[in-house]
Amino acid sequence: MPSTTRVLMLIASVVNRNPRTVTRNRNTKWTMAGCLIVLVTTVGTMSAQTSQDHAATVVGHVLDPLGGAIAHATATLLHDEQSVTDTTTDESGRFSLASAESGRYRVRVEAPGFEPRDTY
């Protein structure tokens, strides 16, 4: 069965122009800091003979602005503002959201002490 795989990498980040401020006011900055979200979307195309919809898996790595992993963050896959599925990041900040039909999706990541971040 022929199949193709496409990989799409999206990076959403908040750039801090003054790293010293983060060091001095770490608690304040952590509360307002954004998450660095790296999403790698792998889409496998099914053969036309199977008569099945396309399926996708979204995997990602959630990091704080200094590059540290954010464990136990909630990653939610949204389609037309409806939640399709969600999961929690592991100890290394990684997550996987599976079984999505083809289409345009948004991933929202939320973690205590951080502002929620969305990426398309």
C-alpha atoms as a PDB file:
ATOM      1  CA  MET A   1       0.000   0.000   0.000  1.00  0.00           C
ATOM      2  CA  PRO A   2       1.582   3.306  -0.997  1.00  0.00           C
ATOM      3  CA  SER A   3       1.751   5.946   1.685  1.00  0.00           C
ATOM      4  CA  THR A   4       3.455   9.273   2.156  1.00  0.00           C
ATOM      5  CA  THR A   5       4.573  10.986   5.304  1.00  0.00           C
ATOM      6  CA  ARG A   6       4.758  14.711   5.751  1.00  0.00           C
ATOM      7  CA  VAL A   7       6.393  16.376   8.696  1.00  0.00           C
ATOM      8  CA  LEU A   8       5.452  19.877   9.765  1.00  0.00           C
ATOM      9  CA  MET A   9       7.270  21.693  12.522  1.00  0.00           C
ATOM     10  CA  LEU A  10       5.690  24.671  14.224  1.00  0.00           C
ATOM     11  CA  ILE A  11       7.470  26.717  16.799  1.00  0.00           C
ATOM     12  CA  ALA A  12       5.712  29.215  19.022  1.00  0.00           C
ATOM     13  CA  SER A  13       7.777  31.047  21.564  1.00  0.00           C
ATOM     14  CA  VAL A  14       8.014  34.155  23.642  1.00  0.00           C
ATOM     15  CA  VAL A  15      11.339  35.937  23.317  1.00  0.00           C
ATOM     16  CA  ASN A  16      12.697  37.567  26.461  1.00  0.00           C
ATOM     17  CA  ARG A  17      14.858  40.552  25.553  1.00  0.00           C
ATOM     18  CA  ASN A  18      16.451  40.894  28.999  1.00  0.00           C
ATOM     19  CA  PRO A  19      17.586  37.541  30.481  1.00  0.00           C
ATOM     20  CA  ARG A  20      18.711  39.232  33.729  1.00  0.00           C
ATOM     21  CA  THR A  21      15.109  40.140  34.505  1.00  0.00           C
ATOM     22  CA  VAL A  22      14.233  36.441  34.457  1.00  0.00           C
ATOM     23  CA  THR A  23      17.031  35.713  36.929  1.00  0.00           C
ATOM     24  CA  ARG A  24      16.095  38.496  39.362  1.00  0.00           C
ATOM     25  CA  ASN A  25      12.323  38.158  39.127  1.00  0.00           C
ATOM     26  CA  ARG A  26      12.034  34.459  38.348  1.00  0.00           C
ATOM     27  CA  ASN A  27       8.657  33.906  40.070  1.00  0.00           C
ATOM     28  CA  THR A  28       7.001  36.885  38.372  1.00  0.00           C
ATOM     29  CA  LYS A  29       8.448  36.044  34.989  1.00  0.00           C
ATOM     30  CA  TRP A  30       7.517  32.352  35.265  1.00  0.00           C
ATOM     31  CA  THR A  31       3.916  33.322  35.945  1.00  0.00           C
ATOM     32  CA  MET A  32       3.771  35.485  32.833  1.00  0.00           C
ATOM     33  CA  ALA A  33       6.151  33.480  30.658  1.00  0.00           C
ATOM     34  CA  GLY A  34       4.989  31.667  27.571  1.00  0.00           C
ATOM     35  CA  CYS A  35       5.782  28.096  26.703  1.00  0.00           C
ATOM     36  CA  LEU A  36       7.979  27.065  23.847  1.00  0.00           C
ATOM     37  CA  ILE A  37       5.979  24.554  21.920  1.00  0.00           C
ATOM     38  CA  VAL A  38       7.511  22.414  19.273  1.00  0.00           C
ATOM     39  CA  LEU A  39       5.015  20.370  17.390  1.00  0.00           C
ATOM     40  CA  VAL A  40       5.948  17.813  14.879  1.00  0.00           C
ATOM     41  CA  THR A  41       2.946  16.644  12.929  1.00  0.00           C
ATOM     42  CA  THR A  42       3.254  13.424  11.044  1.00  0.00           C
ATOM     43  CA  VAL A  43       0.534  12.730   8.530  1.00  0.00           C
ATOM     44  CA  GLY A  44       0.297   9.324   6.895  1.00  0.00           C
ATOM     45  CA  THR A  45      -1.803   9.133   3.750  1.00  0.00           C
ATOM     46  CA  MET A  46      -3.862   5.991   3.368  1.00  0.00           C
ATOM     47  CA  SER A  47      -4.350   4.291   0.006  1.00  0.00           C
ATOM     48  CA  ALA A  48      -7.510   5.279  -1.877  1.00  0.00           C
ATOM     49  CA  GLN A  49      -8.423   1.580  -1.981  1.00  0.00           C
ATOM     50  CA  THR A  50      -9.037   1.474   1.778  1.00  0.00           C
ATOM     51  CA  SER A  51     -11.851   4.095   1.662  1.00  0.00           C
ATOM     52  CA  GLN A  52     -10.690   5.468   5.015  1.00  0.00           C
ATOM     53  CA  ASP A  53     -10.194   9.075   6.061  1.00  0.00           C
ATOM     54  CA  HIS A  54      -6.667  10.361   6.506  1.00  0.00           C
ATOM     55  CA  ALA A  55      -5.329  10.015  10.026  1.00  0.00           C
ATOM     56  CA  ALA A  56      -2.745  12.100  11.844  1.00  0.00           C
ATOM     57  CA  THR A  57      -0.755  12.062  15.038  1.00  0.00           C
ATOM     58  CA  VAL A  58       0.470  15.268  16.633  1.00  0.00           C
ATOM     59  CA  VAL A  59       3.513  14.920  18.866  1.00  0.00           C
ATOM     60  CA  GLY A  60       5.292  17.717  20.670  1.00  0.00           C
ATOM     61  CA  HIS A  61       7.692  18.834  23.364  1.00  0.00           C
ATOM     62  CA  VAL A  62       6.672  21.597  25.804  1.00  0.00           C
ATOM     63  CA  LEU A  63       9.529  23.751  27.108  1.00  0.00           C
ATOM     64  CA  ASP A  64       9.774  26.865  29.255  1.00  0.00           C
ATOM     65  CA  PRO A  65      11.523  29.994  27.875  1.00  0.00           C
ATOM     66  CA  LEU A  66      14.876  28.778  29.248  1.00  0.00           C
ATOM     67  CA  GLY A  67      14.566  25.375  27.564  1.00  0.00           C
ATOM     68  CA  GLY A  68      13.474  23.332  30.578  1.00  0.00           C
ATOM     69  CA  ALA A  69      10.858  20.621  30.065  1.00  0.00           C
ATOM     70  CA  ILE A  70       7.386  21.282  31.473  1.00  0.00           C
ATOM     71  CA  ALA A  71       6.002  18.042  32.931  1.00  0.00           C
ATOM     72  CA  HIS A  72       2.286  17.464  33.566  1.00  0.00           C
ATOM     73  CA  ALA A  73       1.104  20.217  31.184  1.00  0.00           C
ATOM     74  CA  THR A  74      -2.214  19.599  29.410  1.00  0.00           C
ATOM     75  CA  ALA A  75      -2.108  19.458  25.600  1.00  0.00           C
ATOM     76  CA  THR A  76      -5.504  19.657  23.862  1.00  0.00           C
ATOM     77  CA  LEU A  77      -6.222  19.108  20.160  1.00  0.00           C
ATOM     78  CA  LEU A  78      -9.025  21.427  18.960  1.00  0.00           C
ATOM     79  CA  HIS A  79     -11.002  21.360  15.701  1.00  0.00           C
ATOM     80  CA  ASP A  80     -13.627  24.072  15.045  1.00  0.00           C
ATOM     81  CA  GLU A  81     -13.223  25.193  18.695  1.00  0.00           C
ATOM     82  CA  GLN A  82     -14.229  21.706  19.904  1.00  0.00           C
ATOM     83  CA  SER A  83     -11.878  19.503  21.913  1.00  0.00           C
ATOM     84  CA  VAL A  84     -10.990  16.377  19.926  1.00  0.00           C
ATOM     85  CA  THR A  85      -8.617  14.784  22.431  1.00  0.00           C
ATOM     86  CA  ASP A  86      -6.222  15.783  25.186  1.00  0.00           C
ATOM     87  CA  THR A  87      -3.290  14.367  27.088  1.00  0.00           C
ATOM     88  CA  THR A  88      -0.710  15.279  29.730  1.00  0.00           C
ATOM     89  CA  THR A  89       2.997  15.774  29.068  1.00  0.00           C
ATOM     90  CA  ASP A  90       5.406  13.239  30.546  1.00  0.00           C
ATOM     91  CA  GLU A  91       8.381  14.055  32.798  1.00  0.00           C
ATOM     92  CA  SER A  92      10.403  15.239  29.772  1.00  0.00           C
ATOM     93  CA  GLY A  93       7.581  17.518  28.537  1.00  0.00           C
ATOM     94  CA  ARG A  94       6.641  15.284  25.581  1.00  0.00           C
ATOM     95  CA  PHE A  95       3.108  14.495  24.415  1.00  0.00           C
ATOM     96  CA  SER A  96       1.271  12.673  21.632  1.00  0.00           C
ATOM     97  CA  LEU A  97      -2.269  13.287  20.347  1.00  0.00           C
ATOM     98  CA  ALA A  98      -3.499  10.555  17.988  1.00  0.00           C
ATOM     99  CA  SER A  99      -6.412   9.568  15.758  1.00  0.00           C
ATOM    100  CA  ALA A 100      -7.337  12.913  14.237  1.00  0.00           C
ATOM    101  CA  GLU A 101      -9.077  13.025  10.876  1.00  0.00           C
ATOM    102  CA  SER A 102      -7.483  15.248   8.244  1.00  0.00           C
ATOM    103  CA  GLY A 103      -8.205  18.968   8.580  1.00  0.00           C
ATOM    104  CA  ARG A 104      -6.981  22.143  10.257  1.00  0.00           C
ATOM    105  CA  TYR A 105      -6.339  21.810  13.986  1.00  0.00           C
ATOM    106  CA  ARG A 106      -5.114  23.925  16.867  1.00  0.00           C
ATOM    107  CA  VAL A 107      -3.104  22.641  19.824  1.00  0.00           C
ATOM    108  CA  ARG A 108      -3.500  24.385  23.172  1.00  0.00           C
ATOM    109  CA  VAL A 109      -0.994  23.775  25.967  1.00  0.00           C
ATOM    110  CA  GLU A 110      -1.765  24.779  29.550  1.00  0.00           C
ATOM    111  CA  ALA A 111       0.399  24.403  32.658  1.00  0.00           C
ATOM    112  CA  PRO A 112       0.187  25.865  36.171  1.00  0.00           C
ATOM    113  CA  GLY A 113       2.232  29.071  36.399  1.00  0.00           C
ATOM    114  CA  PHE A 114       2.222  29.655  32.614  1.00  0.00           C
ATOM    115  CA  GLU A 115      -0.087  31.444  30.228  1.00  0.00           C
ATOM    116  CA  PRO A 116      -1.957  29.056  27.891  1.00  0.00           C
ATOM    117  CA  ARG A 117      -0.418  28.886  24.403  1.00  0.00           C
ATOM    118  CA  ASP A 118      -2.050  27.895  21.116  1.00  0.00           C
ATOM    119  CA  THR A 119      -0.437  26.931  17.846  1.00  0.00           C
ATOM    120  CA  TYR A 120      -1.835  25.897  14.469  1.00  0.00           C
END
